[in-house]
Amino acid sequence: KAISGSGHTAVSVRGHDTSVVITQKKIPDKLLDASTVTHLYSI
């Protein structure tokens, strides 16, 4: 329920030579630095 209540949705699709993920980018406060807000991470 914590996942579904987060207010975000993510989608992923895989093809012949490509995998992609897409998610919303919500900035809750105008004073936030938008470049520091992300849900995508490199492993």
Full PDB file with SEQRES, HELIX, SHEET, SSBOND, CRYST1, ORIGX, SCALE, CONECT and MASTER records, all heavy atoms in Angstrom:
SEQRES   1 A   43  LYS ALA ILE SER GLY SER GLY HIS THR ALA VAL SER VAL          
SEQRES   2 A   43  ARG GLY HIS ASP THR SER VAL VAL ILE THR GLN LYS LYS          
SEQRES   3 A   43  ILE PRO ASP LYS LEU LEU ASP ALA SER THR VAL THR HIS          
SEQRES   4 A   43  LEU TYR SER ILE                                              
HELIX    1 AA1 SER A    4  SER A    6  5                                   3    
HELIX    2 AA2 ALA A   34  THR A   36  5                                   3    
SHEET    1 AA1 2 ALA A  10  ARG A  14  0                                        
SHEET    2 AA1 2 SER A  19  THR A  23 -1                                        
CRYST1    1.000    1.000    1.000  90.00  90.00  90.00 P 1           1          
ORIGX1      1.000000  0.000000  0.000000        0.00000                         
ORIGX2      0.000000  1.000000  0.000000        0.00000                         
ORIGX3      0.000000  0.000000  1.000000        0.00000                         
SCALE1      1.000000  0.000000  0.000000        0.00000                         
SCALE2      0.000000  1.000000  0.000000        0.00000                         
SCALE3      0.000000  0.000000  1.000000        0.00000                         
ATOM      1  N   LYS A   1       0.829  -1.211   0.000  1.00  0.00           N  
ATOM      2  CA  LYS A   1       0.000   0.000   0.000  1.00  0.00           C  
ATOM      3  C   LYS A   1       0.862   1.259   0.000  1.00  0.00           C  
ATOM      4  O   LYS A   1       0.464   2.296  -0.543  1.00  0.00           O  
ATOM      5  CB  LYS A   1      -0.937   0.001   1.204  1.00  0.00           C  
ATOM      6  CG  LYS A   1      -2.061  -1.026   1.084  1.00  0.00           C  
ATOM      7  CD  LYS A   1      -3.053  -0.900   2.218  1.00  0.00           C  
ATOM      8  CE  LYS A   1      -4.190  -1.911   2.047  1.00  0.00           C  
ATOM      9  NZ  LYS A   1      -5.188  -1.823   3.133  1.00  0.00           N  
ATOM     10  N   ALA A   2       2.049   1.178   0.600  1.00  0.00           N  
ATOM     11  CA  ALA A   2       2.962   2.320   0.591  1.00  0.00           C  
ATOM     12  C   ALA A   2       3.407   2.641  -0.838  1.00  0.00           C  
ATOM     13  O   ALA A   2       3.627   3.804  -1.180  1.00  0.00           O  
ATOM     14  CB  ALA A   2       4.185   2.025   1.464  1.00  0.00           C  
ATOM     15  N   ILE A   3       3.506   1.609  -1.669  1.00  0.00           N  
ATOM     16  CA  ILE A   3       3.900   1.809  -3.071  1.00  0.00           C  
ATOM     17  C   ILE A   3       2.770   2.486  -3.839  1.00  0.00           C  
ATOM     18  O   ILE A   3       2.973   3.491  -4.520  1.00  0.00           O  
ATOM     19  CB  ILE A   3       4.264   0.466  -3.733  1.00  0.00           C  
ATOM     20  CG1 ILE A   3       5.453  -0.175  -3.024  1.00  0.00           C  
ATOM     21  CG2 ILE A   3       4.554   0.656  -5.223  1.00  0.00           C  
ATOM     22  CD1 ILE A   3       5.675  -1.641  -3.387  1.00  0.00           C  
ATOM     23  N   SER A   4       1.562   1.927  -3.726  1.00  0.00           N  
ATOM     24  CA  SER A   4       0.430   2.490  -4.475  1.00  0.00           C  
ATOM     25  C   SER A   4       0.040   3.869  -3.942  1.00  0.00           C  
ATOM     26  O   SER A   4      -0.523   4.689  -4.666  1.00  0.00           O  
ATOM     27  CB  SER A   4      -0.777   1.542  -4.420  1.00  0.00           C  
ATOM     28  OG  SER A   4      -1.161   1.307  -3.077  1.00  0.00           O  
ATOM     29  N   GLY A   5       0.365   4.151  -2.686  1.00  0.00           N  
ATOM     30  CA  GLY A   5       0.031   5.445  -2.102  1.00  0.00           C  
ATOM     31  C   GLY A   5       1.094   6.504  -2.297  1.00  0.00           C  
ATOM     32  O   GLY A   5       0.975   7.623  -1.784  1.00  0.00           O  
ATOM     33  N   SER A   6       2.138   6.169  -3.039  1.00  0.00           N  
ATOM     34  CA  SER A   6       3.246   7.114  -3.229  1.00  0.00           C  
ATOM     35  C   SER A   6       2.893   8.260  -4.161  1.00  0.00           C  
ATOM     36  O   SER A   6       3.570   9.287  -4.175  1.00  0.00           O  
ATOM     37  CB  SER A   6       4.462   6.366  -3.795  1.00  0.00           C  
ATOM     38  OG  SER A   6       4.189   5.891  -5.105  1.00  0.00           O  
ATOM     39  N   GLY A   7       1.834   8.066  -4.985  1.00  0.00           N  
ATOM     40  CA  GLY A   7       1.433   9.120  -5.915  1.00  0.00           C  
ATOM     41  C   GLY A   7       2.192   9.110  -7.224  1.00  0.00           C  
ATOM     42  O   GLY A   7       2.008   9.997  -8.061  1.00  0.00           O  
ATOM     43  N   HIS A   8       3.055   8.118  -7.417  1.00  0.00           N  
ATOM     44  CA  HIS A   8       3.827   8.011  -8.651  1.00  0.00           C  
ATOM     45  C   HIS A   8       3.457   6.745  -9.414  1.00  0.00           C  
ATOM     46  O   HIS A   8       3.036   5.755  -8.823  1.00  0.00           O  
ATOM     47  CB  HIS A   8       5.331   7.971  -8.361  1.00  0.00           C  
ATOM     48  CG  HIS A   8       5.904   9.292  -7.988  1.00  0.00           C  
ATOM     49  ND1 HIS A   8       5.794   9.798  -6.720  1.00  0.00           N  
ATOM     50  CD2 HIS A   8       6.584  10.224  -8.718  1.00  0.00           C  
ATOM     51  CE1 HIS A   8       6.387  10.987  -6.674  1.00  0.00           C  
ATOM     52  NE2 HIS A   8       6.869  11.261  -7.868  1.00  0.00           N  
ATOM     53  N   THR A   9       3.657   6.787 -10.716  1.00  0.00           N  
ATOM     54  CA  THR A   9       3.491   5.606 -11.557  1.00  0.00           C  
ATOM     55  C   THR A   9       4.737   5.450 -12.412  1.00  0.00           C  
ATOM     56  O   THR A   9       5.286   6.436 -12.909  1.00  0.00           O  
ATOM     57  CB  THR A   9       2.266   5.736 -12.483  1.00  0.00           C  
ATOM     58  OG1 THR A   9       1.108   6.000 -11.678  1.00  0.00           O  
ATOM     59  CG2 THR A   9       2.032   4.465 -13.280  1.00  0.00           C  
ATOM     60  N   ALA A  10       5.191   4.215 -12.563  1.00  0.00           N  
ATOM     61  CA  ALA A  10       6.342   3.924 -13.429  1.00  0.00           C  
ATOM     62  C   ALA A  10       5.943   2.863 -14.445  1.00  0.00           C  
ATOM     63  O   ALA A  10       5.160   1.957 -14.127  1.00  0.00           O  
ATOM     64  CB  ALA A  10       7.525   3.438 -12.592  1.00  0.00           C  
ATOM     65  N   VAL A  11       6.473   2.977 -15.647  1.00  0.00           N  
ATOM     66  CA  VAL A  11       6.178   2.021 -16.723  1.00  0.00           C  
ATOM     67  C   VAL A  11       7.495   1.583 -17.341  1.00  0.00           C  
ATOM     68  O   VAL A  11       8.422   2.394 -17.490  1.00  0.00           O  
ATOM     69  CB  VAL A  11       5.281   2.658 -17.810  1.00  0.00           C  
ATOM     70  CG1 VAL A  11       5.138   1.732 -19.008  1.00  0.00           C  
ATOM     71  CG2 VAL A  11       3.908   2.989 -17.241  1.00  0.00           C  
ATOM     72  N   SER A  12       7.583   0.305 -17.683  1.00  0.00           N  
ATOM     73  CA  SER A  12       8.775  -0.211 -18.362  1.00  0.00           C  
ATOM     74  C   SER A  12       8.354  -1.071 -19.546  1.00  0.00           C  
ATOM     75  O   SER A  12       7.371  -1.813 -19.463  1.00  0.00           O  
ATOM     76  CB  SER A  12       9.625  -1.036 -17.394  1.00  0.00           C  
ATOM     77  OG  SER A  12      10.765  -1.533 -18.058  1.00  0.00           O  
ATOM     78  N   VAL A  13       9.097  -0.962 -20.642  1.00  0.00           N  
ATOM     79  CA  VAL A  13       8.822  -1.739 -21.855  1.00  0.00           C  
ATOM     80  C   VAL A  13      10.144  -2.273 -22.401  1.00  0.00           C  
ATOM     81  O   VAL A  13      11.159  -1.570 -22.385  1.00  0.00           O  
ATOM     82  CB  VAL A  13       8.114  -0.884 -22.937  1.00  0.00           C  
ATOM     83  CG1 VAL A  13       7.802  -1.722 -24.173  1.00  0.00           C  
ATOM     84  CG2 VAL A  13       6.835  -0.266 -22.384  1.00  0.00           C  
ATOM     85  N   ARG A  14      10.097  -3.515 -22.893  1.00  0.00           N  
ATOM     86  CA  ARG A  14      11.296  -4.156 -23.460  1.00  0.00           C  
ATOM     87  C   ARG A  14      11.042  -4.527 -24.912  1.00  0.00           C  
ATOM     88  O   ARG A  14       9.968  -5.021 -25.247  1.00  0.00           O  
ATOM     89  CB  ARG A  14      11.611  -5.402 -22.636  1.00  0.00           C  
ATOM     90  CG  ARG A  14      12.743  -6.265 -23.177  1.00  0.00           C  
ATOM     91  CD  ARG A  14      13.190  -7.271 -22.128  1.00  0.00           C  
ATOM     92  NE  ARG A  14      12.190  -8.263 -21.816  1.00  0.00           N  
ATOM     93  CZ  ARG A  14      12.322  -9.571 -22.085  1.00  0.00           C  
ATOM     94  NH1 ARG A  14      13.388 -10.025 -22.720  1.00  0.00           N  
ATOM     95  NH2 ARG A  14      11.394 -10.423 -21.737  1.00  0.00           N  
ATOM     96  N   GLY A  15      12.022  -4.282 -25.775  1.00  0.00           N  
ATOM     97  CA  GLY A  15      11.882  -4.599 -27.187  1.00  0.00           C  
ATOM     98  C   GLY A  15      13.027  -5.457 -27.691  1.00  0.00           C  
ATOM     99  O   GLY A  15      13.702  -6.140 -26.915  1.00  0.00           O  
ATOM    100  N   HIS A  16      13.264  -5.397 -29.001  1.00  0.00           N  
ATOM    101  CA  HIS A  16      14.303  -6.223 -29.638  1.00  0.00           C  
ATOM    102  C   HIS A  16      15.698  -5.875 -29.140  1.00  0.00           C  
ATOM    103  O   HIS A  16      16.498  -6.762 -28.842  1.00  0.00           O  
ATOM    104  CB  HIS A  16      14.223  -6.050 -31.157  1.00  0.00           C  
ATOM    105  CG  HIS A  16      15.395  -6.645 -31.875  1.00  0.00           C  
ATOM    106  ND1 HIS A  16      15.679  -7.991 -31.850  1.00  0.00           N  
ATOM    107  CD2 HIS A  16      16.378  -6.068 -32.634  1.00  0.00           C  
ATOM    108  CE1 HIS A  16      16.768  -8.224 -32.562  1.00  0.00           C  
ATOM    109  NE2 HIS A  16      17.209  -7.077 -33.045  1.00  0.00           N  
ATOM    110  N   ASP A  17      15.986  -4.582 -29.048  1.00  0.00           N  
ATOM    111  CA  ASP A  17      17.331  -4.159 -28.669  1.00  0.00           C  
ATOM    112  C   ASP A  17      17.331  -3.055 -27.614  1.00  0.00           C  
ATOM    113  O   ASP A  17      18.352  -2.433 -27.364  1.00  0.00           O  
ATOM    114  CB  ASP A  17      18.108  -3.699 -29.902  1.00  0.00           C  
ATOM    115  CG  ASP A  17      17.332  -2.670 -30.728  1.00  0.00           C  
ATOM    116  OD1 ASP A  17      16.394  -2.050 -30.168  1.00  0.00           O  
ATOM    117  OD2 ASP A  17      17.640  -2.498 -31.915  1.00  0.00           O  
ATOM    118  N   THR A  18      16.169  -2.825 -26.999  1.00  0.00           N  
ATOM    119  CA  THR A  18      16.027  -1.692 -26.076  1.00  0.00           C  
ATOM    120  C   THR A  18      15.122  -2.031 -24.894  1.00  0.00           C  
ATOM    121  O   THR A  18      14.098  -2.690 -25.077  1.00  0.00           O  
ATOM    122  CB  THR A  18      15.433  -0.473 -26.812  1.00  0.00           C  
ATOM    123  OG1 THR A  18      16.234  -0.146 -27.938  1.00  0.00           O  
ATOM    124  CG2 THR A  18      15.331   0.738 -25.897  1.00  0.00           C  
ATOM    125  N   SER A  19      15.511  -1.579 -23.719  1.00  0.00           N  
ATOM    126  CA  SER A  19      14.626  -1.568 -22.550  1.00  0.00           C  
ATOM    127  C   SER A  19      14.528  -0.126 -22.073  1.00  0.00           C  
ATOM    128  O   SER A  19      15.533   0.599 -22.061  1.00  0.00           O  
ATOM    129  CB  SER A  19      15.172  -2.441 -21.418  1.00  0.00           C  
ATOM    130  OG  SER A  19      14.956  -3.810 -21.686  1.00  0.00           O  
ATOM    131  N   VAL A  20      13.330   0.277 -21.689  1.00  0.00           N  
ATOM    132  CA  VAL A  20      13.132   1.662 -21.262  1.00  0.00           C  
ATOM    133  C   VAL A  20      12.246   1.713 -20.027  1.00  0.00           C  
ATOM    134  O   VAL A  20      11.378   0.855 -19.843  1.00  0.00           O  
ATOM    135  CB  VAL A  20      12.521   2.499 -22.425  1.00  0.00           C  
ATOM    136  CG1 VAL A  20      11.093   2.075 -22.700  1.00  0.00           C  
ATOM    137  CG2 VAL A  20      12.576   3.981 -22.142  1.00  0.00           C  
ATOM    138  N   VAL A  21      12.493   2.687 -19.151  1.00  0.00           N  
ATOM    139  CA  VAL A  21      11.620   2.951 -18.000  1.00  0.00           C  
ATOM    140  C   VAL A  21      11.222   4.417 -18.038  1.00  0.00           C  
ATOM    141  O   VAL A  21      12.008   5.275 -18.457  1.00  0.00           O  
ATOM    142  CB  VAL A  21      12.286   2.624 -16.645  1.00  0.00           C  
ATOM    143  CG1 VAL A  21      12.423   1.144 -16.432  1.00  0.00           C  
ATOM    144  CG2 VAL A  21      13.641   3.314 -16.512  1.00  0.00           C  
ATOM    145  N   ILE A  22      10.007   4.683 -17.631  1.00  0.00           N  
ATOM    146  CA  ILE A  22       9.505   6.060 -17.602  1.00  0.00           C  
ATOM    147  C   ILE A  22       8.712   6.266 -16.318  1.00  0.00           C  
ATOM    148  O   ILE A  22       7.988   5.363 -15.876  1.00  0.00           O  
ATOM    149  CB  ILE A  22       8.642   6.345 -18.849  1.00  0.00           C  
ATOM    150  CG1 ILE A  22       8.108   7.780 -18.851  1.00  0.00           C  
ATOM    151  CG2 ILE A  22       7.500   5.356 -18.977  1.00  0.00           C  
ATOM    152  CD1 ILE A  22       7.453   8.177 -20.164  1.00  0.00           C  
ATOM    153  N   THR A  23       8.885   7.410 -15.700  1.00  0.00           N  
ATOM    154  CA  THR A  23       8.157   7.697 -14.464  1.00  0.00           C  
ATOM    155  C   THR A  23       7.880   9.196 -14.371  1.00  0.00           C  
ATOM    156  O   THR A  23       8.487   9.997 -15.086  1.00  0.00           O  
ATOM    157  CB  THR A  23       8.956   7.230 -13.229  1.00  0.00           C  
ATOM    158  OG1 THR A  23       8.154   7.381 -12.052  1.00  0.00           O  
ATOM    159  CG2 THR A  23      10.231   8.039 -13.047  1.00  0.00           C  
ATOM    160  N   GLN A  24       6.955   9.536 -13.502  1.00  0.00           N  
ATOM    161  CA  GLN A  24       6.633  10.951 -13.292  1.00  0.00           C  
ATOM    162  C   GLN A  24       7.733  11.635 -12.478  1.00  0.00           C  
ATOM    163  O   GLN A  24       8.393  11.000 -11.654  1.00  0.00           O  
ATOM    164  CB  GLN A  24       5.311  11.071 -12.531  1.00  0.00           C  
ATOM    165  CG  GLN A  24       4.104  10.546 -13.286  1.00  0.00           C  
ATOM    166  CD  GLN A  24       2.954  10.267 -12.342  1.00  0.00           C  
ATOM    167  OE1 GLN A  24       2.942   9.285 -11.620  1.00  0.00           O  
ATOM    168  NE2 GLN A  24       1.982  11.156 -12.336  1.00  0.00           N  
ATOM    169  N   LYS A  25       7.896  12.916 -12.734  1.00  0.00           N  
ATOM    170  CA  LYS A  25       8.828  13.715 -11.943  1.00  0.00           C  
ATOM    171  C   LYS A  25       8.047  14.846 -11.305  1.00  0.00           C  
ATOM    172  O   LYS A  25       7.684  15.805 -11.971  1.00  0.00           O  
ATOM    173  CB  LYS A  25       9.956  14.262 -12.825  1.00  0.00           C  
ATOM    174  CG  LYS A  25      11.019  15.011 -12.027  1.00  0.00           C  
ATOM    175  CD  LYS A  25      12.224  15.355 -12.882  1.00  0.00           C  
ATOM    176  CE  LYS A  25      13.305  16.020 -12.047  1.00  0.00           C  
ATOM    177  NZ  LYS A  25      14.526  16.271 -12.811  1.00  0.00           N  
ATOM    178  N   LYS A  26       7.734  14.671 -10.031  1.00  0.00           N  
ATOM    179  CA  LYS A  26       6.943  15.667  -9.307  1.00  0.00           C  
ATOM    180  C   LYS A  26       7.847  16.470  -8.373  1.00  0.00           C  
ATOM    181  O   LYS A  26       8.597  15.887  -7.588  1.00  0.00           O  
ATOM    182  CB  LYS A  26       5.837  14.984  -8.501  1.00  0.00           C  
ATOM    183  CG  LYS A  26       4.798  14.277  -9.367  1.00  0.00           C  
ATOM    184  CD  LYS A  26       3.715  13.646  -8.511  1.00  0.00           C  
ATOM    185  CE  LYS A  26       2.655  12.959  -9.367  1.00  0.00           C  
ATOM    186  NZ  LYS A  26       1.601  12.317  -8.546  1.00  0.00           N  
ATOM    187  N   ILE A  27       7.770  17.779  -8.479  1.00  0.00           N  
ATOM    188  CA  ILE A  27       8.533  18.668  -7.594  1.00  0.00           C  
ATOM    189  C   ILE A  27       7.550  19.260  -6.587  1.00  0.00           C  
ATOM    190  O   ILE A  27       6.763  20.152  -6.930  1.00  0.00           O  
ATOM    191  CB  ILE A  27       9.231  19.788  -8.389  1.00  0.00           C  
ATOM    192  CG1 ILE A  27       9.988  19.217  -9.597  1.00  0.00           C  
ATOM    193  CG2 ILE A  27      10.159  20.575  -7.482  1.00  0.00           C  
ATOM    194  CD1 ILE A  27      11.063  18.227  -9.258  1.00  0.00           C  
ATOM    195  N   PRO A  28       7.541  18.772  -5.340  1.00  0.00           N  
ATOM    196  CA  PRO A  28       6.517  19.189  -4.370  1.00  0.00           C  
ATOM    197  C   PRO A  28       6.639  20.624  -3.875  1.00  0.00           C  
ATOM    198  O   PRO A  28       5.696  21.187  -3.349  1.00  0.00           O  
ATOM    199  CB  PRO A  28       6.718  18.198  -3.211  1.00  0.00           C  
ATOM    200  CG  PRO A  28       8.118  17.735  -3.339  1.00  0.00           C  
ATOM    201  CD  PRO A  28       8.458  17.765  -4.787  1.00  0.00           C  
ATOM    202  N   ASP A  29       7.822  21.234  -4.035  1.00  0.00           N  
ATOM    203  CA  ASP A  29       8.048  22.582  -3.515  1.00  0.00           C  
ATOM    204  C   ASP A  29       8.827  23.387  -4.552  1.00  0.00           C  
ATOM    205  O   ASP A  29       9.824  22.912  -5.106  1.00  0.00           O  
ATOM    206  CB  ASP A  29       8.842  22.500  -2.201  1.00  0.00           C  
ATOM    207  CG  ASP A  29       8.858  23.828  -1.451  1.00  0.00           C  
ATOM    208  OD1 ASP A  29       8.981  24.867  -2.117  1.00  0.00           O  
ATOM    209  OD2 ASP A  29       8.764  23.811  -0.212  1.00  0.00           O  
ATOM    210  N   LYS A  30       8.401  24.598  -4.827  1.00  0.00           N  
ATOM    211  CA  LYS A  30       9.053  25.443  -5.842  1.00  0.00           C  
ATOM    212  C   LYS A  30      10.481  25.812  -5.463  1.00  0.00           C  
ATOM    213  O   LYS A  30      11.283  26.181  -6.323  1.00  0.00           O  
ATOM    214  CB  LYS A  30       8.236  26.713  -6.079  1.00  0.00           C  
ATOM    215  CG  LYS A  30       6.901  26.443  -6.778  1.00  0.00           C  
ATOM    216  CD  LYS A  30       6.142  27.728  -7.032  1.00  0.00           C  
ATOM    217  CE  LYS A  30       4.813  27.436  -7.734  1.00  0.00           C  
ATOM    218  NZ  LYS A  30       4.028  28.664  -7.980  1.00  0.00           N  
ATOM    219  N   LEU A  31      10.799  25.735  -4.184  1.00  0.00           N  
ATOM    220  CA  LEU A  31      12.147  26.088  -3.751  1.00  0.00           C  
ATOM    221  C   LEU A  31      13.133  24.927  -3.878  1.00  0.00           C  
ATOM    222  O   LEU A  31      14.331  25.109  -3.672  1.00  0.00           O  
ATOM    223  CB  LEU A  31      12.117  26.574  -2.300  1.00  0.00           C  
ATOM    224  CG  LEU A  31      11.352  27.887  -2.050  1.00  0.00           C  
ATOM    225  CD1 LEU A  31      11.356  28.220  -0.572  1.00  0.00           C  
ATOM    226  CD2 LEU A  31      11.954  29.029  -2.855  1.00  0.00           C  
ATOM    227  N   LEU A  32      12.625  23.748  -4.212  1.00  0.00           N  
ATOM    228  CA  LEU A  32      13.504  22.589  -4.379  1.00  0.00           C  
ATOM    229  C   LEU A  32      14.321  22.717  -5.658  1.00  0.00           C  
ATOM    230  O   LEU A  32      13.845  23.244  -6.671  1.00  0.00           O  
ATOM    231  CB  LEU A  32      12.690  21.300  -4.450  1.00  0.00           C  
ATOM    232  CG  LEU A  32      12.176  20.711  -3.144  1.00  0.00           C  
ATOM    233  CD1 LEU A  32      11.339  19.480  -3.424  1.00  0.00           C  
ATOM    234  CD2 LEU A  32      13.323  20.325  -2.237  1.00  0.00           C  
ATOM    235  N   ASP A  33      15.534  22.196  -5.613  1.00  0.00           N  
ATOM    236  CA  ASP A  33      16.357  22.095  -6.823  1.00  0.00           C  
ATOM    237  C   ASP A  33      15.889  20.864  -7.591  1.00  0.00           C  
ATOM    238  O   ASP A  33      16.120  19.734  -7.167  1.00  0.00           O  
ATOM    239  CB  ASP A  33      17.837  21.966  -6.426  1.00  0.00           C  
ATOM    240  CG  ASP A  33      18.748  21.850  -7.634  1.00  0.00           C  
ATOM    241  OD1 ASP A  33      18.234  21.800  -8.768  1.00  0.00           O  
ATOM    242  OD2 ASP A  33      19.978  21.790  -7.437  1.00  0.00           O  
ATOM    243  N   ALA A  34      15.220  21.079  -8.725  1.00  0.00           N  
ATOM    244  CA  ALA A  34      14.608  19.981  -9.482  1.00  0.00           C  
ATOM    245  C   ALA A  34      15.626  18.955  -9.949  1.00  0.00           C  
ATOM    246  O   ALA A  34      15.292  17.773 -10.125  1.00  0.00           O  
ATOM    247  CB  ALA A  34      13.848  20.546 -10.688  1.00  0.00           C  
ATOM    248  N   SER A  35      16.871  19.367 -10.145  1.00  0.00           N  
ATOM    249  CA  SER A  35      17.886  18.430 -10.642  1.00  0.00           C  
ATOM    250  C   SER A  35      18.271  17.381  -9.596  1.00  0.00           C  
ATOM    251  O   SER A  35      18.892  16.373  -9.923  1.00  0.00           O  
ATOM    252  CB  SER A  35      19.141  19.200 -11.075  1.00  0.00           C  
ATOM    253  OG  SER A  35      19.754  19.826  -9.960  1.00  0.00           O  
ATOM    254  N   THR A  36      17.898  17.615  -8.328  1.00  0.00           N  
ATOM    255  CA  THR A  36      18.229  16.650  -7.270  1.00  0.00           C  
ATOM    256  C   THR A  36      17.086  15.675  -6.998  1.00  0.00           C  
ATOM    257  O   THR A  36      17.224  14.790  -6.164  1.00  0.00           O  
ATOM    258  CB  THR A  36      18.581  17.382  -5.955  1.00  0.00           C  
ATOM    259  OG1 THR A  36      17.412  18.085  -5.489  1.00  0.00           O  
ATOM    260  CG2 THR A  36      19.711  18.373  -6.158  1.00  0.00           C  
ATOM    261  N   VAL A  37      15.966  15.844  -7.698  1.00  0.00           N  
ATOM    262  CA  VAL A  37      14.807  14.963  -7.504  1.00  0.00           C  
ATOM    263  C   VAL A  37      14.754  13.952  -8.640  1.00  0.00           C  
ATOM    264  O   VAL A  37      14.653  14.328  -9.812  1.00  0.00           O  
ATOM    265  CB  VAL A  37      13.492  15.774  -7.469  1.00  0.00           C  
ATOM    266  CG1 VAL A  37      12.296  14.851  -7.321  1.00  0.00           C  
ATOM    267  CG2 VAL A  37      13.528  16.791  -6.339  1.00  0.00           C  
ATOM    268  N   THR A  38      14.853  12.682  -8.306  1.00  0.00           N  
ATOM    269  CA  THR A  38      14.797  11.644  -9.334  1.00  0.00           C  
ATOM    270  C   THR A  38      14.333  10.321  -8.739  1.00  0.00           C  
ATOM    271  O   THR A  38      14.478  10.084  -7.537  1.00  0.00           O  
ATOM    272  CB  THR A  38      16.175  11.447 -10.000  1.00  0.00           C  
ATOM    273  OG1 THR A  38      16.064  10.481 -11.053  1.00  0.00           O  
ATOM    274  CG2 THR A  38      17.208  10.958  -8.990  1.00  0.00           C  
ATOM    275  N   HIS A  39      13.767   9.480  -9.613  1.00  0.00           N  
ATOM    276  CA  HIS A  39      13.402   8.113  -9.223  1.00  0.00           C  
ATOM    277  C   HIS A  39      14.172   7.100 -10.059  1.00  0.00           C  
ATOM    278  O   HIS A  39      13.927   5.902  -9.963  1.00  0.00           O  
ATOM    279  CB  HIS A  39      11.895   7.893  -9.401  1.00  0.00           C  
ATOM    280  CG  HIS A  39      11.061   8.691  -8.445  1.00  0.00           C  
ATOM    281  ND1 HIS A  39      10.765   8.249  -7.168  1.00  0.00           N  
ATOM    282  CD2 HIS A  39      10.492   9.908  -8.545  1.00  0.00           C  
ATOM    283  CE1 HIS A  39      10.034   9.162  -6.545  1.00  0.00           C  
ATOM    284  NE2 HIS A  39       9.852  10.180  -7.365  1.00  0.00           N  
ATOM    285  N   LEU A  40      15.080   7.598 -10.894  1.00  0.00           N  
ATOM    286  CA  LEU A  40      15.898   6.727 -11.745  1.00  0.00           C  
ATOM    287  C   LEU A  40      17.312   6.657 -11.190  1.00  0.00           C  
ATOM    288  O   LEU A  40      17.912   7.695 -10.868  1.00  0.00           O  
ATOM    289  CB  LEU A  40      15.932   7.261 -13.180  1.00  0.00           C  
ATOM    290  CG  LEU A  40      14.589   7.414 -13.890  1.00  0.00           C  
ATOM    291  CD1 LEU A  40      14.798   7.949 -15.295  1.00  0.00           C  
ATOM    292  CD2 LEU A  40      13.845   6.086 -13.948  1.00  0.00           C  
ATOM    293  N   TYR A  41      17.843   5.440 -11.090  1.00  0.00           N  
ATOM    294  CA  TYR A  41      19.162   5.254 -10.488  1.00  0.00           C  
ATOM    295  C   TYR A  41      20.005   4.307 -11.335  1.00  0.00           C  
ATOM    296  O   TYR A  41      19.495   3.338 -11.903  1.00  0.00           O  
ATOM    297  CB  TYR A  41      19.032   4.676  -9.072  1.00  0.00           C  
ATOM    298  CG  TYR A  41      18.241   5.536  -8.125  1.00  0.00           C  
ATOM    299  CD1 TYR A  41      16.866   5.365  -7.984  1.00  0.00           C  
ATOM    300  CD2 TYR A  41      18.868   6.526  -7.367  1.00  0.00           C  
ATOM    301  CE1 TYR A  41      16.128   6.159  -7.116  1.00  0.00           C  
ATOM    302  CE2 TYR A  41      18.136   7.319  -6.488  1.00  0.00           C  
ATOM    303  CZ  TYR A  41      16.773   7.131  -6.374  1.00  0.00           C  
ATOM    304  OH  TYR A  41      16.053   7.919  -5.510  1.00  0.00           O  
ATOM    305  N   SER A  42      21.307   4.595 -11.378  1.00  0.00           N  
ATOM    306  CA  SER A  42      22.254   3.722 -12.058  1.00  0.00           C  
ATOM    307  C   SER A  42      22.837   2.731 -11.050  1.00  0.00           C  
ATOM    308  O   SER A  42      23.194   3.115  -9.932  1.00  0.00           O  
ATOM    309  CB  SER A  42      23.374   4.572 -12.669  1.00  0.00           C  
ATOM    310  OG  SER A  42      24.403   3.759 -13.160  1.00  0.00           O  
ATOM    311  N   ILE A  43      22.915   1.462 -11.461  1.00  0.00           N  
ATOM    312  CA  ILE A  43      23.481   0.441 -10.577  1.00  0.00           C  
ATOM    313  C   ILE A  43      24.849  -0.007 -11.103  1.00  0.00           C  
ATOM    314  O   ILE A  43      25.830  -0.038 -10.381  1.00  0.00           O  
ATOM    315  CB  ILE A  43      22.518  -0.753 -10.432  1.00  0.00           C  
ATOM    316  CG1 ILE A  43      21.225  -0.271  -9.763  1.00  0.00           C  
ATOM    317  CG2 ILE A  43      23.161  -1.868  -9.595  1.00  0.00           C  
ATOM    318  CD1 ILE A  43      20.132  -1.290  -9.716  1.00  0.00           C  
TER     319      ILE A  43                                                      
MASTER        0    0    0    2    2    0    0    6  318    1    0    4          
END                                                                             
